[in-house]
């Protein structure tokens, strides 16, 4: 997946817009659960990326 056409500011804008859209019909409790899920999801992606990077550099 190549995202070289996406600048940091565009990604921030996209993320903010999606958060506002998704949050409109959710309760505070549902938002908290969703936020915790995506935090965990992002952390796991970071671990996978770091591991892949480390393994690729050792080849």
PDB file of N, CA and C in Angstrom:
ATOM      1  N   UNK A   1       0.839  -1.177   0.000  1.00  0.00           N
ATOM      2  CA  UNK A   1       0.000   0.000   0.000  1.00  0.00           C
ATOM      3  C   UNK A   1       0.880   1.235   0.000  1.00  0.00           C
ATOM      4  N   UNK A   2       0.681   2.076  -0.975  1.00  0.00           N
ATOM      5  CA  UNK A   2       1.487   3.286  -1.080  1.00  0.00           C
ATOM      6  C   UNK A   2       0.613   4.497  -0.787  1.00  0.00           C
ATOM      7  N   UNK A   3       0.996   5.265   0.194  1.00  0.00           N
ATOM      8  CA  UNK A   3       0.236   6.470   0.519  1.00  0.00           C
ATOM      9  C   UNK A   3       1.086   7.716   0.355  1.00  0.00           C
ATOM     10  N   UNK A   4       1.976   7.713  -0.635  1.00  0.00           N
ATOM     11  CA  UNK A   4       2.868   8.843  -0.835  1.00  0.00           C
ATOM     12  C   UNK A   4       2.120  10.100  -1.267  1.00  0.00           C
ATOM     13  N   UNK A   5       0.880   9.960  -1.754  1.00  0.00           N
ATOM     14  CA  UNK A   5       0.100  11.125  -2.159  1.00  0.00           C
ATOM     15  C   UNK A   5      -0.620  11.774  -0.984  1.00  0.00           C
ATOM     16  N   UNK A   6      -0.548  11.168   0.186  1.00  0.00           N
ATOM     17  CA  UNK A   6      -1.240  11.697   1.360  1.00  0.00           C
ATOM     18  C   UNK A   6      -0.259  12.426   2.260  1.00  0.00           C
ATOM     19  N   UNK A   7      -0.426  13.732   2.359  1.00  0.00           N
ATOM     20  CA  UNK A   7       0.438  14.487   3.264  1.00  0.00           C
ATOM     21  C   UNK A   7      -0.049  14.290   4.693  1.00  0.00           C
ATOM     22  N   UNK A   8       0.780  14.621   5.641  1.00  0.00           N
ATOM     23  CA  UNK A   8       0.399  14.506   7.038  1.00  0.00           C
ATOM     24  C   UNK A   8      -0.844  15.310   7.361  1.00  0.00           C
ATOM     25  N   UNK A   9      -0.943  16.530   6.807  1.00  0.00           N
ATOM     26  CA  UNK A   9      -2.124  17.346   7.081  1.00  0.00           C
ATOM     27  C   UNK A   9      -3.392  16.759   6.495  1.00  0.00           C
ATOM     28  N   UNK A  10      -3.289  16.137   5.324  1.00  0.00           N
ATOM     29  CA  UNK A  10      -4.468  15.493   4.736  1.00  0.00           C
ATOM     30  C   UNK A  10      -4.916  14.317   5.591  1.00  0.00           C
ATOM     31  N   UNK A  11      -3.976  13.560   6.121  1.00  0.00           N
ATOM     32  CA  UNK A  11      -4.332  12.419   6.964  1.00  0.00           C
ATOM     33  C   UNK A  11      -4.964  12.886   8.273  1.00  0.00           C
ATOM     34  N   UNK A  12      -4.473  13.988   8.836  1.00  0.00           N
ATOM     35  CA  UNK A  12      -5.064  14.541  10.054  1.00  0.00           C
ATOM     36  C   UNK A  12      -6.495  15.002   9.775  1.00  0.00           C
ATOM     37  N   UNK A  13      -6.689  15.677   8.669  1.00  0.00           N
ATOM     38  CA  UNK A  13      -8.033  16.131   8.289  1.00  0.00           C
ATOM     39  C   UNK A  13      -8.987  14.980   8.070  1.00  0.00           C
ATOM     40  N   UNK A  14      -8.509  13.933   7.396  1.00  0.00           N
ATOM     41  CA  UNK A  14      -9.335  12.755   7.149  1.00  0.00           C
ATOM     42  C   UNK A  14      -9.702  12.079   8.468  1.00  0.00           C
ATOM     43  N   UNK A  15      -8.721  11.906   9.322  1.00  0.00           N
ATOM     44  CA  UNK A  15      -8.945  11.274  10.621  1.00  0.00           C
ATOM     45  C   UNK A  15      -9.951  12.059  11.455  1.00  0.00           C
ATOM     46  N   UNK A  16      -9.790  13.359  11.506  1.00  0.00           N
ATOM     47  CA  UNK A  16     -10.714  14.206  12.280  1.00  0.00           C
ATOM     48  C   UNK A  16     -12.128  14.139  11.719  1.00  0.00           C
ATOM     49  N   UNK A  17     -12.243  14.210  10.416  1.00  0.00           N
ATOM     50  CA  UNK A  17     -13.562  14.156   9.782  1.00  0.00           C
ATOM     51  C   UNK A  17     -14.261  12.827  10.057  1.00  0.00           C
ATOM     52  N   UNK A  18     -13.515  11.730   9.927  1.00  0.00           N
ATOM     53  CA  UNK A  18     -14.106  10.418  10.195  1.00  0.00           C
ATOM     54  C   UNK A  18     -14.527  10.284  11.652  1.00  0.00           C
ATOM     55  N   UNK A  19     -13.714  10.790  12.569  1.00  0.00           N
ATOM     56  CA  UNK A  19     -14.054  10.725  13.991  1.00  0.00           C
ATOM     57  C   UNK A  19     -15.353  11.490  14.274  1.00  0.00           C
ATOM     58  N   UNK A  20     -15.488  12.657  13.681  1.00  0.00           N
ATOM     59  CA  UNK A  20     -16.705  13.446  13.893  1.00  0.00           C
ATOM     60  C   UNK A  20     -17.936  12.740  13.328  1.00  0.00           C
ATOM     61  N   UNK A  21     -17.802  12.162  12.151  1.00  0.00           N
ATOM     62  CA  UNK A  21     -18.930  11.456  11.523  1.00  0.00           C
ATOM     63  C   UNK A  21     -19.332  10.236  12.344  1.00  0.00           C
ATOM     64  N   UNK A  22     -18.348   9.428  12.745  1.00  0.00           N
ATOM     65  CA  UNK A  22     -18.625   8.203  13.489  1.00  0.00           C
ATOM     66  C   UNK A  22     -19.223   8.521  14.861  1.00  0.00           C
ATOM     67  N   UNK A  23     -18.773   9.597  15.492  1.00  0.00           N
ATOM     68  CA  UNK A  23     -19.180   9.895  16.873  1.00  0.00           C
ATOM     69  C   UNK A  23     -20.592  10.445  16.998  1.00  0.00           C
ATOM     70  N   UNK A  24     -21.183  10.879  15.921  1.00  0.00           N
ATOM     71  CA  UNK A  24     -22.474  11.565  15.994  1.00  0.00           C
ATOM     72  C   UNK A  24     -23.575  10.737  16.650  1.00  0.00           C
ATOM     73  N   UNK A  25     -23.656   9.452  16.375  1.00  0.00           N
ATOM     74  CA  UNK A  25     -24.761   8.639  16.873  1.00  0.00           C
ATOM     75  C   UNK A  25     -24.355   7.665  17.969  1.00  0.00           C
ATOM     76  N   UNK A  26     -23.203   7.871  18.590  1.00  0.00           N
ATOM     77  CA  UNK A  26     -22.739   6.959  19.627  1.00  0.00           C
ATOM     78  C   UNK A  26     -22.773   7.622  21.000  1.00  0.00           C
ATOM     79  N   UNK A  27     -23.011   6.811  22.025  1.00  0.00           N
ATOM     80  CA  UNK A  27     -22.989   7.313  23.396  1.00  0.00           C
ATOM     81  C   UNK A  27     -21.539   7.482  23.837  1.00  0.00           C
ATOM     82  N   UNK A  28     -21.348   8.130  24.981  1.00  0.00           N
ATOM     83  CA  UNK A  28     -19.996   8.311  25.518  1.00  0.00           C
ATOM     84  C   UNK A  28     -19.352   6.959  25.800  1.00  0.00           C
ATOM     85  N   UNK A  29     -20.130   6.012  26.316  1.00  0.00           N
ATOM     86  CA  UNK A  29     -19.588   4.681  26.601  1.00  0.00           C
ATOM     87  C   UNK A  29     -19.168   3.970  25.312  1.00  0.00           C
ATOM     88  N   UNK A  30     -20.002   4.055  24.292  1.00  0.00           N
ATOM     89  CA  UNK A  30     -19.669   3.425  23.005  1.00  0.00           C
ATOM     90  C   UNK A  30     -18.430   4.069  22.388  1.00  0.00           C
ATOM     91  N   UNK A  31     -18.323   5.395  22.507  1.00  0.00           N
ATOM     92  CA  UNK A  31     -17.140   6.090  21.986  1.00  0.00           C
ATOM     93  C   UNK A  31     -15.878   5.651  22.713  1.00  0.00           C
ATOM     94  N   UNK A  32     -15.978   5.473  24.022  1.00  0.00           N
ATOM     95  CA  UNK A  32     -14.830   5.016  24.802  1.00  0.00           C
ATOM     96  C   UNK A  32     -14.375   3.634  24.376  1.00  0.00           C
ATOM     97  N   UNK A  33     -15.329   2.742  24.165  1.00  0.00           N
ATOM     98  CA  UNK A  33     -14.998   1.380  23.722  1.00  0.00           C
ATOM     99  C   UNK A  33     -14.360   1.411  22.332  1.00  0.00           C
ATOM    100  N   UNK A  34     -14.935   2.199  21.436  1.00  0.00           N
ATOM    101  CA  UNK A  34     -14.392   2.300  20.076  1.00  0.00           C
ATOM    102  C   UNK A  34     -12.988   2.904  20.098  1.00  0.00           C
ATOM    103  N   UNK A  35     -12.776   3.913  20.919  1.00  0.00           N
ATOM    104  CA  UNK A  35     -11.451   4.530  21.031  1.00  0.00           C
ATOM    105  C   UNK A  35     -10.432   3.528  21.561  1.00  0.00           C
ATOM    106  N   UNK A  36     -10.821   2.759  22.576  1.00  0.00           N
ATOM    107  CA  UNK A  36      -9.910   1.746  23.127  1.00  0.00           C
ATOM    108  C   UNK A  36      -9.592   0.687  22.083  1.00  0.00           C
ATOM    109  N   UNK A  37     -10.592   0.289  21.293  1.00  0.00           N
ATOM    110  CA  UNK A  37     -10.367  -0.694  20.235  1.00  0.00           C
ATOM    111  C   UNK A  37      -9.356  -0.177  19.220  1.00  0.00           C
ATOM    112  N   UNK A  38      -9.555   1.047  18.739  1.00  0.00           N
ATOM    113  CA  UNK A  38      -8.650   1.576  17.720  1.00  0.00           C
ATOM    114  C   UNK A  38      -7.259   1.864  18.269  1.00  0.00           C
ATOM    115  N   UNK A  39      -7.166   2.195  19.550  1.00  0.00           N
ATOM    116  CA  UNK A  39      -5.853   2.356  20.173  1.00  0.00           C
ATOM    117  C   UNK A  39      -5.109   1.029  20.169  1.00  0.00           C
ATOM    118  N   UNK A  40      -5.806  -0.027  20.564  1.00  0.00           N
ATOM    119  CA  UNK A  40      -5.213  -1.368  20.565  1.00  0.00           C
ATOM    120  C   UNK A  40      -4.841  -1.795  19.147  1.00  0.00           C
ATOM    121  N   UNK A  41      -5.729  -1.532  18.206  1.00  0.00           N
ATOM    122  CA  UNK A  41      -5.499  -1.864  16.796  1.00  0.00           C
ATOM    123  C   UNK A  41      -4.238  -1.169  16.285  1.00  0.00           C
ATOM    124  N   UNK A  42      -4.118   0.125  16.566  1.00  0.00           N
ATOM    125  CA  UNK A  42      -2.955   0.893  16.113  1.00  0.00           C
ATOM    126  C   UNK A  42      -1.670   0.407  16.772  1.00  0.00           C
ATOM    127  N   UNK A  43      -1.740   0.091  18.059  1.00  0.00           N
ATOM    128  CA  UNK A  43      -0.558  -0.424  18.759  1.00  0.00           C
ATOM    129  C   UNK A  43      -0.089  -1.738  18.147  1.00  0.00           C
ATOM    130  N   UNK A  44      -1.033  -2.605  17.828  1.00  0.00           N
ATOM    131  CA  UNK A  44      -0.667  -3.882  17.213  1.00  0.00           C
ATOM    132  C   UNK A  44      -0.082  -3.690  15.820  1.00  0.00           C
ATOM    133  N   UNK A  45      -0.619  -2.756  15.047  1.00  0.00           N
ATOM    134  CA  UNK A  45      -0.032  -2.451  13.735  1.00  0.00           C
ATOM    135  C   UNK A  45       1.396  -1.942  13.884  1.00  0.00           C
ATOM    136  N   UNK A  46       1.638  -1.114  14.898  1.00  0.00           N
ATOM    137  CA  UNK A  46       2.989  -0.593  15.140  1.00  0.00           C
ATOM    138  C   UNK A  46       3.952  -1.725  15.492  1.00  0.00           C
ATOM    139  N   UNK A  47       3.492  -2.667  16.304  1.00  0.00           N
ATOM    140  CA  UNK A  47       4.338  -3.824  16.652  1.00  0.00           C
ATOM    141  C   UNK A  47       4.659  -4.643  15.415  1.00  0.00           C
ATOM    142  N   UNK A  48       3.661  -4.893  14.585  1.00  0.00           N
ATOM    143  CA  UNK A  48       3.872  -5.673  13.358  1.00  0.00           C
ATOM    144  C   UNK A  48       4.834  -4.947  12.427  1.00  0.00           C
ATOM    145  N   UNK A  49       4.644  -3.635  12.251  1.00  0.00           N
ATOM    146  CA  UNK A  49       5.516  -2.859  11.368  1.00  0.00           C
ATOM    147  C   UNK A  49       6.957  -2.880  11.869  1.00  0.00           C
ATOM    148  N   UNK A  50       7.130  -2.708  13.175  1.00  0.00           N
ATOM    149  CA  UNK A  50       8.473  -2.712  13.750  1.00  0.00           C
ATOM    150  C   UNK A  50       9.132  -4.067  13.580  1.00  0.00           C
ATOM    151  N   UNK A  51       8.369  -5.125  13.807  1.00  0.00           N
ATOM    152  CA  UNK A  51       8.900  -6.479  13.658  1.00  0.00           C
ATOM    153  C   UNK A  51       9.275  -6.766  12.214  1.00  0.00           C
ATOM    154  N   UNK A  52       8.395  -6.370  11.281  1.00  0.00           N
ATOM    155  CA  UNK A  52       8.697  -6.575   9.863  1.00  0.00           C
ATOM    156  C   UNK A  52       9.949  -5.810   9.469  1.00  0.00           C
ATOM    157  N   UNK A  53      10.052  -4.569   9.897  1.00  0.00           N
ATOM    158  CA  UNK A  53      11.202  -3.738   9.578  1.00  0.00           C
ATOM    159  C   UNK A  53      12.476  -4.366  10.123  1.00  0.00           C
ATOM    160  N   UNK A  54      12.400  -4.857  11.352  1.00  0.00           N
ATOM    161  CA  UNK A  54      13.551  -5.477  11.986  1.00  0.00           C
ATOM    162  C   UNK A  54      13.964  -6.744  11.246  1.00  0.00           C
ATOM    163  N   UNK A  55      12.991  -7.562  10.867  1.00  0.00           N
ATOM    164  CA  UNK A  55      13.279  -8.813  10.163  1.00  0.00           C
ATOM    165  C   UNK A  55      13.841  -8.552   8.761  1.00  0.00           C
ATOM    166  N   UNK A  56      13.273  -7.534   8.076  1.00  0.00           N
ATOM    167  CA  UNK A  56      13.749  -7.225   6.724  1.00  0.00           C
ATOM    168  C   UNK A  56      15.168  -6.695   6.740  1.00  0.00           C
ATOM    169  N   UNK A  57      15.551  -5.973   7.785  1.00  0.00           N
ATOM    170  CA  UNK A  57      16.897  -5.434   7.872  1.00  0.00           C
ATOM    171  C   UNK A  57      17.934  -6.502   8.222  1.00  0.00           C
ATOM    172  N   UNK A  58      17.502  -7.619   8.745  1.00  0.00           N
ATOM    173  CA  UNK A  58      18.429  -8.696   9.109  1.00  0.00           C
ATOM    174  C   UNK A  58      18.655  -9.686   7.973  1.00  0.00           C
ATOM    175  N   UNK A  59      17.987  -9.472   6.845  1.00  0.00           N
ATOM    176  CA  UNK A  59      18.149 -10.387   5.706  1.00  0.00           C
ATOM    177  C   UNK A  59      19.388 -10.057   4.921  1.00  0.00           C
TER     178      UNK A  59
END
